[in-house]
Every structure is written in structure tokens, then in C-alpha cells.
Amino acid sequence: MSEYYAKSVDSLSFEITKEEQLIGKLLYKNWFTFNAEIEIEGRFYQVEPKGFWGTTIELKDHERVILKFRMNWNGEIVVQTYFDGIKEGFLFKQRGVFKESFVLADQQGTELFVMKPLLKWSALTCEYQIITSEKFETISHKEIILINSLHCANYYMSMIMAV
């Protein structure tokens, strides 16, 4: 079990840390857009909406799609990864009586982490505390999945706000 924090540096960027060590960054290009960049150890990945309505979001390593996600009809986000030629599925959804946190679950329904938003009203920003399971810590490319999940949380919040 590990604990991570995602903090908003400014209105367009987040930094994810574990024990005050930088894990990676999520950098948005503009307000009100899903285009973003993920940076992990000096490596950059592009996040881009696809399709006519832009409802599917792809994460690319150069031109190769390594992850994609979309919101399904009941408000959950279906995440598919394509790391090392292996396709895996995850489900990102809200949890709790008052929908106060997010969880990421694998295909068997095992919760891999809980992400709790911490609204900072004075600065109009949102931070997240992320508690991972031991199983999550063994996943390859966990940093990409973690930072992409931050993007999913922000995506979710923007979709709910638009309704």
C-alpha cells in the first residue's frame, strides 16, 4: 500500500508525488480542453480526444496508442491499456454514498486505488490523495495509469459540471 498526492501547480498543471518525490506531471494545453501531456522522467506522452464528438480519449507514445478511455452510459470510465502488446481493461468510477472519491478497479473488480479529491476553495484548485493497493504497486506502467487516472478524474468532473 502506498500514498500519492496530486497537486495543482497552476490552473493547467498537476504534479504527482510519492513521499515528496516527483512521479510525473499532467500538463493541460488550454482550459476547457481534454488535450494534455503527461511527463514521466523526462518522457512525454500525448493525450488527445478522438472521433467526431471527442468522447474517446487516447494516450500516445509518439504515434502509438498505449491507452484509451471513454465514459460509458452509466457514468463509469472504461480504460483500456495496450502496454507491451497486451490489452488490459480497468474501470474508473465514483464511490461512496455522496460520491466523495474515485476508484480504479481491474477486470475482476479488485480495487487498485482510491482517489479522494481535496477541494481548495481559497485557491480554486483541487488536489487528490491517492491510496494504492499492493496489487497496484506490482502493475507495469503504474505511473502512466496513475497520472491518466488523474486526467480521468478531471474529465469526469468537467463532464458532470457540463450537465
N, C-alpha and C. Protein backbone atom coordinates (compact mmCIF):
# COMPACT_ATOMS: atom_id res chain seq x y z
N MET A 1 0.84 -1.18 0.00
CA MET A 1 0.00 0.00 0.00
C MET A 1 0.89 1.24 0.00
N SER A 2 0.57 2.19 -0.90
CA SER A 2 1.34 3.42 -0.97
C SER A 2 0.39 4.61 -1.03
N GLU A 3 0.94 5.78 -0.74
CA GLU A 3 0.17 7.01 -0.77
C GLU A 3 0.82 8.01 -1.71
N TYR A 4 0.02 8.55 -2.62
CA TYR A 4 0.47 9.54 -3.59
C TYR A 4 -0.37 10.79 -3.41
N TYR A 5 0.16 11.92 -3.86
CA TYR A 5 -0.58 13.18 -3.87
C TYR A 5 -0.48 13.81 -5.25
N ALA A 6 -1.59 14.34 -5.70
CA ALA A 6 -1.63 15.11 -6.94
C ALA A 6 -2.01 16.53 -6.56
N LYS A 7 -1.12 17.46 -6.87
CA LYS A 7 -1.37 18.85 -6.50
C LYS A 7 -1.38 19.72 -7.76
N SER A 8 -2.32 20.64 -7.77
CA SER A 8 -2.42 21.58 -8.86
C SER A 8 -1.34 22.65 -8.67
N VAL A 9 -0.44 22.74 -9.64
CA VAL A 9 0.64 23.73 -9.58
C VAL A 9 0.10 25.09 -10.01
N ASP A 10 -0.68 25.09 -11.06
CA ASP A 10 -1.39 26.27 -11.54
C ASP A 10 -2.66 25.77 -12.19
N SER A 11 -3.37 26.60 -12.88
CA SER A 11 -4.66 26.19 -13.44
C SER A 11 -4.54 25.15 -14.55
N LEU A 12 -3.34 24.91 -15.07
CA LEU A 12 -3.18 23.99 -16.19
C LEU A 12 -2.24 22.81 -15.93
N SER A 13 -1.76 22.66 -14.71
CA SER A 13 -0.81 21.57 -14.49
C SER A 13 -0.93 20.97 -13.08
N PHE A 14 -0.63 19.67 -13.03
CA PHE A 14 -0.63 18.91 -11.77
C PHE A 14 0.70 18.19 -11.64
N GLU A 15 1.15 18.04 -10.42
CA GLU A 15 2.33 17.22 -10.13
C GLU A 15 1.90 16.09 -9.20
N ILE A 16 2.36 14.88 -9.51
CA ILE A 16 2.06 13.71 -8.69
C ILE A 16 3.32 13.33 -7.94
N THR A 17 3.20 13.19 -6.62
CA THR A 17 4.36 12.86 -5.79
C THR A 17 4.05 11.67 -4.90
N LYS A 18 5.12 11.00 -4.50
CA LYS A 18 5.05 9.93 -3.51
C LYS A 18 6.21 10.19 -2.55
N GLU A 19 5.90 10.36 -1.28
CA GLU A 19 6.91 10.69 -0.27
C GLU A 19 7.76 11.88 -0.72
N GLU A 20 7.10 12.89 -1.25
CA GLU A 20 7.70 14.13 -1.71
C GLU A 20 8.65 13.97 -2.90
N GLN A 21 8.65 12.79 -3.53
CA GLN A 21 9.43 12.55 -4.75
C GLN A 21 8.49 12.71 -5.95
N LEU A 22 8.90 13.49 -6.95
CA LEU A 22 8.08 13.71 -8.13
C LEU A 22 7.98 12.43 -8.95
N ILE A 23 6.75 11.99 -9.22
CA ILE A 23 6.48 10.81 -10.04
C ILE A 23 6.25 11.23 -11.49
N GLY A 24 5.49 12.29 -11.67
CA GLY A 24 5.19 12.76 -13.01
C GLY A 24 4.29 13.98 -12.99
N LYS A 25 3.98 14.47 -14.20
CA LYS A 25 3.16 15.68 -14.33
C LYS A 25 2.06 15.46 -15.36
N LEU A 26 0.95 16.16 -15.14
CA LEU A 26 -0.13 16.23 -16.10
C LEU A 26 -0.24 17.69 -16.50
N LEU A 27 -0.04 17.97 -17.78
CA LEU A 27 0.01 19.35 -18.26
C LEU A 27 -1.07 19.55 -19.32
N TYR A 28 -2.05 20.39 -19.01
CA TYR A 28 -3.11 20.70 -19.98
C TYR A 28 -2.65 21.82 -20.90
N LYS A 29 -3.10 21.75 -22.15
CA LYS A 29 -2.72 22.76 -23.15
C LYS A 29 -3.51 24.05 -22.94
N ASN A 30 -4.82 23.94 -22.69
CA ASN A 30 -5.71 25.09 -22.51
C ASN A 30 -6.79 24.72 -21.52
N TRP A 31 -7.49 25.72 -21.05
CA TRP A 31 -8.68 25.48 -20.25
C TRP A 31 -9.75 24.88 -21.15
N PHE A 32 -10.64 24.09 -20.58
CA PHE A 32 -11.79 23.52 -21.27
C PHE A 32 -11.41 22.65 -22.46
N THR A 33 -10.30 21.97 -22.38
CA THR A 33 -9.89 21.04 -23.42
C THR A 33 -9.38 19.77 -22.77
N PHE A 34 -9.50 18.66 -23.48
CA PHE A 34 -9.01 17.40 -22.95
C PHE A 34 -7.62 17.08 -23.48
N ASN A 35 -7.10 17.92 -24.35
CA ASN A 35 -5.73 17.72 -24.83
C ASN A 35 -4.78 18.01 -23.67
N ALA A 36 -3.84 17.11 -23.50
CA ALA A 36 -2.88 17.27 -22.40
C ALA A 36 -1.60 16.52 -22.73
N GLU A 37 -0.65 16.67 -21.84
CA GLU A 37 0.62 15.98 -21.97
C GLU A 37 0.95 15.38 -20.60
N ILE A 38 1.46 14.16 -20.62
CA ILE A 38 1.92 13.52 -19.40
C ILE A 38 3.43 13.43 -19.49
N GLU A 39 4.09 13.85 -18.41
CA GLU A 39 5.55 13.77 -18.36
C GLU A 39 5.96 12.87 -17.20
N ILE A 40 6.78 11.86 -17.53
CA ILE A 40 7.32 10.95 -16.53
C ILE A 40 8.80 10.77 -16.83
N GLU A 41 9.64 11.16 -15.90
CA GLU A 41 11.09 11.04 -16.03
C GLU A 41 11.61 11.55 -17.38
N GLY A 42 11.16 12.75 -17.76
CA GLY A 42 11.62 13.39 -18.98
C GLY A 42 11.02 12.84 -20.26
N ARG A 43 10.13 11.88 -20.16
CA ARG A 43 9.44 11.31 -21.32
C ARG A 43 8.04 11.89 -21.41
N PHE A 44 7.62 12.24 -22.62
CA PHE A 44 6.33 12.88 -22.81
C PHE A 44 5.37 11.99 -23.58
N TYR A 45 4.11 12.00 -23.14
CA TYR A 45 3.02 11.26 -23.77
C TYR A 45 1.91 12.25 -24.08
N GLN A 46 1.26 12.09 -25.22
CA GLN A 46 0.20 13.00 -25.64
C GLN A 46 -1.17 12.42 -25.32
N VAL A 47 -2.06 13.25 -24.79
CA VAL A 47 -3.44 12.87 -24.51
C VAL A 47 -4.32 13.67 -25.47
N GLU A 48 -5.10 12.95 -26.31
CA GLU A 48 -5.90 13.61 -27.34
C GLU A 48 -7.28 12.99 -27.47
N PRO A 49 -8.32 13.83 -27.58
CA PRO A 49 -9.65 13.29 -27.87
C PRO A 49 -9.70 12.79 -29.31
N LYS A 50 -10.50 11.73 -29.55
CA LYS A 50 -10.64 11.16 -30.88
C LYS A 50 -12.10 11.05 -31.24
N GLY A 51 -12.37 10.97 -32.52
CA GLY A 51 -13.73 10.82 -33.00
C GLY A 51 -14.41 12.16 -33.20
N PHE A 52 -15.55 12.11 -33.83
CA PHE A 52 -16.29 13.33 -34.17
C PHE A 52 -16.66 14.13 -32.92
N TRP A 53 -17.15 13.45 -31.88
CA TRP A 53 -17.56 14.12 -30.65
C TRP A 53 -16.44 14.19 -29.62
N GLY A 54 -15.32 13.54 -29.88
CA GLY A 54 -14.20 13.56 -28.94
C GLY A 54 -14.49 12.83 -27.65
N THR A 55 -15.35 11.80 -27.71
CA THR A 55 -15.74 11.09 -26.50
C THR A 55 -14.74 10.02 -26.08
N THR A 56 -13.89 9.60 -26.98
CA THR A 56 -12.82 8.67 -26.63
C THR A 56 -11.53 9.47 -26.54
N ILE A 57 -10.79 9.25 -25.47
CA ILE A 57 -9.53 9.95 -25.25
C ILE A 57 -8.41 8.93 -25.40
N GLU A 58 -7.37 9.28 -26.18
CA GLU A 58 -6.23 8.39 -26.41
C GLU A 58 -4.97 8.96 -25.79
N LEU A 59 -4.16 8.07 -25.26
CA LEU A 59 -2.84 8.42 -24.73
C LEU A 59 -1.83 7.80 -25.68
N LYS A 60 -0.94 8.63 -26.24
CA LYS A 60 0.00 8.15 -27.24
C LYS A 60 1.44 8.33 -26.80
N ASP A 61 2.24 7.35 -27.15
CA ASP A 61 3.69 7.43 -27.04
C ASP A 61 4.15 7.63 -28.48
N HIS A 62 4.43 8.86 -28.84
CA HIS A 62 4.66 9.29 -30.22
C HIS A 62 3.37 9.02 -30.99
N GLU A 63 3.35 8.14 -31.96
CA GLU A 63 2.13 7.86 -32.73
C GLU A 63 1.42 6.59 -32.27
N ARG A 64 2.01 5.85 -31.35
CA ARG A 64 1.46 4.57 -30.91
C ARG A 64 0.49 4.79 -29.74
N VAL A 65 -0.74 4.31 -29.88
CA VAL A 65 -1.74 4.41 -28.82
C VAL A 65 -1.41 3.36 -27.76
N ILE A 66 -1.20 3.81 -26.53
CA ILE A 66 -0.88 2.87 -25.44
C ILE A 66 -1.99 2.78 -24.41
N LEU A 67 -2.98 3.68 -24.50
CA LEU A 67 -4.08 3.69 -23.55
C LEU A 67 -5.21 4.50 -24.16
N LYS A 68 -6.43 4.10 -23.90
CA LYS A 68 -7.59 4.92 -24.28
C LYS A 68 -8.67 4.75 -23.24
N PHE A 69 -9.52 5.78 -23.14
CA PHE A 69 -10.64 5.69 -22.21
C PHE A 69 -11.84 6.45 -22.75
N ARG A 70 -13.00 6.04 -22.26
CA ARG A 70 -14.26 6.69 -22.61
C ARG A 70 -15.25 6.49 -21.49
N MET A 71 -16.20 7.41 -21.36
CA MET A 71 -17.23 7.28 -20.35
C MET A 71 -18.34 6.40 -20.92
N ASN A 72 -18.81 5.42 -20.14
CA ASN A 72 -19.90 4.58 -20.62
C ASN A 72 -21.25 5.16 -20.21
N TRP A 73 -22.32 4.50 -20.56
CA TRP A 73 -23.68 5.02 -20.38
C TRP A 73 -24.06 5.23 -18.93
N ASN A 74 -23.42 4.53 -17.98
CA ASN A 74 -23.80 4.71 -16.58
C ASN A 74 -22.80 5.55 -15.78
N GLY A 75 -21.97 6.31 -16.47
CA GLY A 75 -21.10 7.26 -15.79
C GLY A 75 -19.76 6.73 -15.33
N GLU A 76 -19.43 5.48 -15.69
CA GLU A 76 -18.12 4.94 -15.35
C GLU A 76 -17.18 5.16 -16.54
N ILE A 77 -15.91 5.25 -16.27
CA ILE A 77 -14.93 5.43 -17.34
C ILE A 77 -14.22 4.10 -17.58
N VAL A 78 -14.32 3.62 -18.80
CA VAL A 78 -13.69 2.37 -19.19
C VAL A 78 -12.31 2.70 -19.74
N VAL A 79 -11.28 2.11 -19.15
CA VAL A 79 -9.89 2.36 -19.54
C VAL A 79 -9.32 1.08 -20.15
N GLN A 80 -8.69 1.20 -21.32
CA GLN A 80 -8.02 0.07 -21.96
C GLN A 80 -6.56 0.44 -22.17
N THR A 81 -5.67 -0.47 -21.75
CA THR A 81 -4.25 -0.25 -21.95
C THR A 81 -3.71 -1.24 -22.98
N TYR A 82 -2.65 -0.84 -23.66
CA TYR A 82 -2.01 -1.66 -24.69
C TYR A 82 -0.50 -1.69 -24.48
N PHE A 83 -0.07 -1.88 -23.24
CA PHE A 83 1.35 -1.89 -22.94
C PHE A 83 1.97 -3.22 -23.36
N ASP A 84 3.10 -3.14 -24.00
CA ASP A 84 3.87 -4.33 -24.40
C ASP A 84 3.03 -5.33 -25.20
N GLY A 85 2.10 -4.80 -26.01
CA GLY A 85 1.28 -5.66 -26.85
C GLY A 85 0.19 -6.43 -26.11
N ILE A 86 -0.04 -6.12 -24.85
CA ILE A 86 -1.04 -6.82 -24.04
C ILE A 86 -2.19 -5.85 -23.73
N LYS A 87 -3.40 -6.25 -24.09
CA LYS A 87 -4.58 -5.41 -23.83
C LYS A 87 -5.14 -5.76 -22.46
N GLU A 88 -5.35 -4.73 -21.63
CA GLU A 88 -5.95 -4.89 -20.31
C GLU A 88 -7.04 -3.85 -20.13
N GLY A 89 -8.02 -4.17 -19.31
CA GLY A 89 -9.12 -3.25 -19.06
C GLY A 89 -9.23 -2.89 -17.60
N PHE A 90 -9.66 -1.66 -17.35
CA PHE A 90 -9.86 -1.15 -16.00
C PHE A 90 -11.15 -0.34 -15.99
N LEU A 91 -11.69 -0.12 -14.81
CA LEU A 91 -12.88 0.69 -14.65
C LEU A 91 -12.60 1.78 -13.62
N PHE A 92 -12.83 3.02 -14.00
CA PHE A 92 -12.63 4.18 -13.13
C PHE A 92 -14.02 4.72 -12.82
N LYS A 93 -14.36 4.80 -11.53
CA LYS A 93 -15.71 5.23 -11.18
C LYS A 93 -15.74 5.94 -9.84
N GLN A 94 -16.86 6.61 -9.59
CA GLN A 94 -17.04 7.26 -8.30
C GLN A 94 -17.51 6.23 -7.28
N ARG A 95 -17.18 6.50 -6.00
CA ARG A 95 -17.56 5.59 -4.92
C ARG A 95 -18.01 6.40 -3.72
N GLY A 96 -18.84 5.78 -2.93
CA GLY A 96 -19.30 6.40 -1.68
C GLY A 96 -20.74 6.87 -1.78
N VAL A 97 -21.35 7.04 -0.63
CA VAL A 97 -22.73 7.49 -0.56
C VAL A 97 -22.89 8.85 -1.24
N PHE A 98 -21.95 9.74 -1.00
CA PHE A 98 -22.00 11.07 -1.58
C PHE A 98 -21.04 11.22 -2.76
N LYS A 99 -20.60 10.10 -3.31
CA LYS A 99 -19.68 10.09 -4.46
C LYS A 99 -18.45 10.94 -4.17
N GLU A 100 -17.89 10.74 -2.96
CA GLU A 100 -16.79 11.59 -2.50
C GLU A 100 -15.40 11.11 -2.91
N SER A 101 -15.31 9.98 -3.61
CA SER A 101 -13.99 9.51 -4.05
C SER A 101 -14.13 8.74 -5.36
N PHE A 102 -12.99 8.47 -5.96
CA PHE A 102 -12.92 7.67 -7.19
C PHE A 102 -12.15 6.40 -6.88
N VAL A 103 -12.44 5.34 -7.63
CA VAL A 103 -11.67 4.11 -7.52
C VAL A 103 -11.30 3.63 -8.91
N LEU A 104 -10.20 2.91 -8.98
CA LEU A 104 -9.80 2.21 -10.20
C LEU A 104 -9.84 0.73 -9.87
N ALA A 105 -10.58 -0.04 -10.69
CA ALA A 105 -10.70 -1.48 -10.47
C ALA A 105 -10.23 -2.22 -11.71
N ASP A 106 -9.70 -3.43 -11.51
CA ASP A 106 -9.29 -4.26 -12.64
C ASP A 106 -10.51 -5.02 -13.18
N GLN A 107 -10.27 -5.89 -14.15
CA GLN A 107 -11.37 -6.61 -14.78
C GLN A 107 -12.07 -7.58 -13.84
N GLN A 108 -11.41 -7.99 -12.79
CA GLN A 108 -12.02 -8.88 -11.81
C GLN A 108 -12.80 -8.10 -10.73
N GLY A 109 -12.76 -6.78 -10.79
CA GLY A 109 -13.46 -5.95 -9.81
C GLY A 109 -12.63 -5.60 -8.59
N THR A 110 -11.36 -5.99 -8.58
CA THR A 110 -10.47 -5.68 -7.45
C THR A 110 -10.10 -4.19 -7.49
N GLU A 111 -10.33 -3.49 -6.39
CA GLU A 111 -9.97 -2.08 -6.32
C GLU A 111 -8.45 -1.93 -6.23
N LEU A 112 -7.90 -1.14 -7.14
CA LEU A 112 -6.46 -0.94 -7.19
C LEU A 112 -6.03 0.32 -6.45
N PHE A 113 -6.89 1.33 -6.44
CA PHE A 113 -6.62 2.51 -5.63
C PHE A 113 -7.89 3.30 -5.39
N VAL A 114 -7.81 4.16 -4.37
CA VAL A 114 -8.88 5.10 -4.05
C VAL A 114 -8.28 6.50 -4.18
N MET A 115 -8.99 7.37 -4.90
CA MET A 115 -8.53 8.74 -5.14
C MET A 115 -9.56 9.69 -4.50
N LYS A 116 -9.10 10.48 -3.53
CA LYS A 116 -10.00 11.40 -2.83
C LYS A 116 -9.68 12.83 -3.23
N PRO A 117 -10.65 13.53 -3.83
CA PRO A 117 -10.43 14.94 -4.15
C PRO A 117 -10.43 15.80 -2.88
N LEU A 118 -9.54 16.75 -2.84
CA LEU A 118 -9.45 17.70 -1.73
C LEU A 118 -9.58 19.10 -2.33
N LEU A 119 -10.78 19.67 -2.27
CA LEU A 119 -11.01 20.98 -2.87
C LEU A 119 -10.37 22.07 -2.03
N LYS A 120 -9.64 22.95 -2.68
CA LYS A 120 -9.02 24.11 -2.02
C LYS A 120 -9.78 25.35 -2.50
N TRP A 121 -10.84 25.68 -1.76
CA TRP A 121 -11.71 26.77 -2.18
C TRP A 121 -10.99 28.11 -2.24
N SER A 122 -10.06 28.35 -1.35
CA SER A 122 -9.37 29.64 -1.33
C SER A 122 -8.54 29.86 -2.59
N ALA A 123 -7.99 28.79 -3.14
CA ALA A 123 -7.17 28.91 -4.35
C ALA A 123 -7.92 28.42 -5.59
N LEU A 124 -9.16 27.95 -5.42
CA LEU A 124 -9.96 27.40 -6.52
C LEU A 124 -9.21 26.29 -7.26
N THR A 125 -8.59 25.41 -6.51
CA THR A 125 -7.88 24.28 -7.09
C THR A 125 -8.35 22.99 -6.43
N CYS A 126 -7.97 21.90 -7.03
CA CYS A 126 -8.31 20.60 -6.49
C CYS A 126 -7.03 19.78 -6.37
N GLU A 127 -6.87 19.13 -5.24
CA GLU A 127 -5.76 18.21 -5.04
C GLU A 127 -6.36 16.84 -4.79
N TYR A 128 -5.55 15.81 -4.93
CA TYR A 128 -6.04 14.46 -4.74
C TYR A 128 -5.07 13.68 -3.85
N GLN A 129 -5.64 12.91 -2.94
CA GLN A 129 -4.87 11.93 -2.16
C GLN A 129 -5.21 10.57 -2.77
N ILE A 130 -4.19 9.79 -3.09
CA ILE A 130 -4.38 8.51 -3.75
C ILE A 130 -3.74 7.42 -2.90
N ILE A 131 -4.56 6.47 -2.46
CA ILE A 131 -4.09 5.34 -1.67
C ILE A 131 -4.17 4.11 -2.57
N THR A 132 -3.03 3.48 -2.83
CA THR A 132 -2.99 2.34 -3.74
C THR A 132 -2.93 1.02 -2.96
N SER A 133 -3.36 -0.04 -3.64
CA SER A 133 -3.27 -1.38 -3.06
C SER A 133 -1.90 -1.98 -3.39
N GLU A 134 -1.59 -3.07 -2.72
CA GLU A 134 -0.34 -3.78 -3.03
C GLU A 134 -0.34 -4.28 -4.46
N LYS A 135 -1.51 -4.72 -4.94
CA LYS A 135 -1.62 -5.21 -6.32
C LYS A 135 -1.29 -4.11 -7.33
N PHE A 136 -1.78 -2.89 -7.07
CA PHE A 136 -1.49 -1.78 -7.98
C PHE A 136 0.02 -1.54 -8.08
N GLU A 137 0.70 -1.63 -6.97
CA GLU A 137 2.14 -1.36 -6.95
C GLU A 137 2.94 -2.36 -7.77
N THR A 138 2.35 -3.50 -8.14
CA THR A 138 3.05 -4.50 -8.95
C THR A 138 2.77 -4.36 -10.45
N ILE A 139 1.85 -3.47 -10.82
CA ILE A 139 1.47 -3.30 -12.23
C ILE A 139 2.57 -2.58 -12.98
N SER A 140 2.90 -3.10 -14.17
CA SER A 140 3.88 -2.39 -15.00
C SER A 140 3.21 -1.13 -15.55
N HIS A 141 3.96 -0.10 -15.72
CA HIS A 141 3.47 1.19 -16.23
C HIS A 141 2.46 1.83 -15.27
N LYS A 142 2.59 1.54 -13.97
CA LYS A 142 1.64 2.07 -12.99
C LYS A 142 1.65 3.60 -12.96
N GLU A 143 2.78 4.23 -13.23
CA GLU A 143 2.85 5.69 -13.20
C GLU A 143 1.97 6.29 -14.28
N ILE A 144 1.99 5.69 -15.49
CA ILE A 144 1.14 6.18 -16.58
C ILE A 144 -0.32 6.01 -16.22
N ILE A 145 -0.66 4.85 -15.69
CA ILE A 145 -2.06 4.58 -15.29
C ILE A 145 -2.49 5.56 -14.20
N LEU A 146 -1.62 5.82 -13.25
CA LEU A 146 -1.93 6.73 -12.15
C LEU A 146 -2.19 8.15 -12.66
N ILE A 147 -1.30 8.66 -13.50
CA ILE A 147 -1.45 10.02 -14.00
C ILE A 147 -2.63 10.12 -14.96
N ASN A 148 -2.84 9.08 -15.77
CA ASN A 148 -4.01 9.07 -16.64
C ASN A 148 -5.29 9.07 -15.80
N SER A 149 -5.29 8.40 -14.67
CA SER A 149 -6.46 8.38 -13.79
C SER A 149 -6.75 9.77 -13.23
N LEU A 150 -5.72 10.55 -13.00
CA LEU A 150 -5.90 11.95 -12.61
C LEU A 150 -6.63 12.69 -13.72
N HIS A 151 -6.22 12.43 -14.96
CA HIS A 151 -6.90 13.04 -16.11
C HIS A 151 -8.35 12.56 -16.17
N CYS A 152 -8.60 11.28 -15.87
CA CYS A 152 -9.97 10.74 -15.84
C CYS A 152 -10.81 11.48 -14.79
N ALA A 153 -10.24 11.72 -13.61
CA ALA A 153 -10.97 12.43 -12.56
C ALA A 153 -11.33 13.84 -13.02
N ASN A 154 -10.38 14.52 -13.63
CA ASN A 154 -10.65 15.87 -14.14
C ASN A 154 -11.68 15.82 -15.28
N TYR A 155 -11.58 14.82 -16.14
CA TYR A 155 -12.54 14.60 -17.23
C TYR A 155 -13.93 14.39 -16.64
N TYR A 156 -14.01 13.53 -15.66
CA TYR A 156 -15.27 13.22 -15.01
C TYR A 156 -15.88 14.48 -14.42
N MET A 157 -15.09 15.23 -13.70
CA MET A 157 -15.59 16.46 -13.07
C MET A 157 -16.10 17.46 -14.13
N SER A 158 -15.39 17.57 -15.25
CA SER A 158 -15.81 18.52 -16.28
C SER A 158 -17.08 18.05 -16.97
N MET A 159 -17.24 16.72 -17.16
CA MET A 159 -18.46 16.19 -17.79
C MET A 159 -19.66 16.42 -16.86
N ILE A 160 -19.48 16.22 -15.58
CA ILE A 160 -20.56 16.41 -14.63
C ILE A 160 -20.94 17.89 -14.54
N MET A 161 -19.94 18.77 -14.56
CA MET A 161 -20.19 20.21 -14.49
C MET A 161 -20.94 20.70 -15.72
N ALA A 162 -20.71 20.06 -16.88
CA ALA A 162 -21.34 20.49 -18.12
C ALA A 162 -22.81 20.10 -18.19
N VAL A 163 -23.20 19.11 -17.38
CA VAL A 163 -24.59 18.63 -17.43
C VAL A 163 -25.52 19.52 -16.68
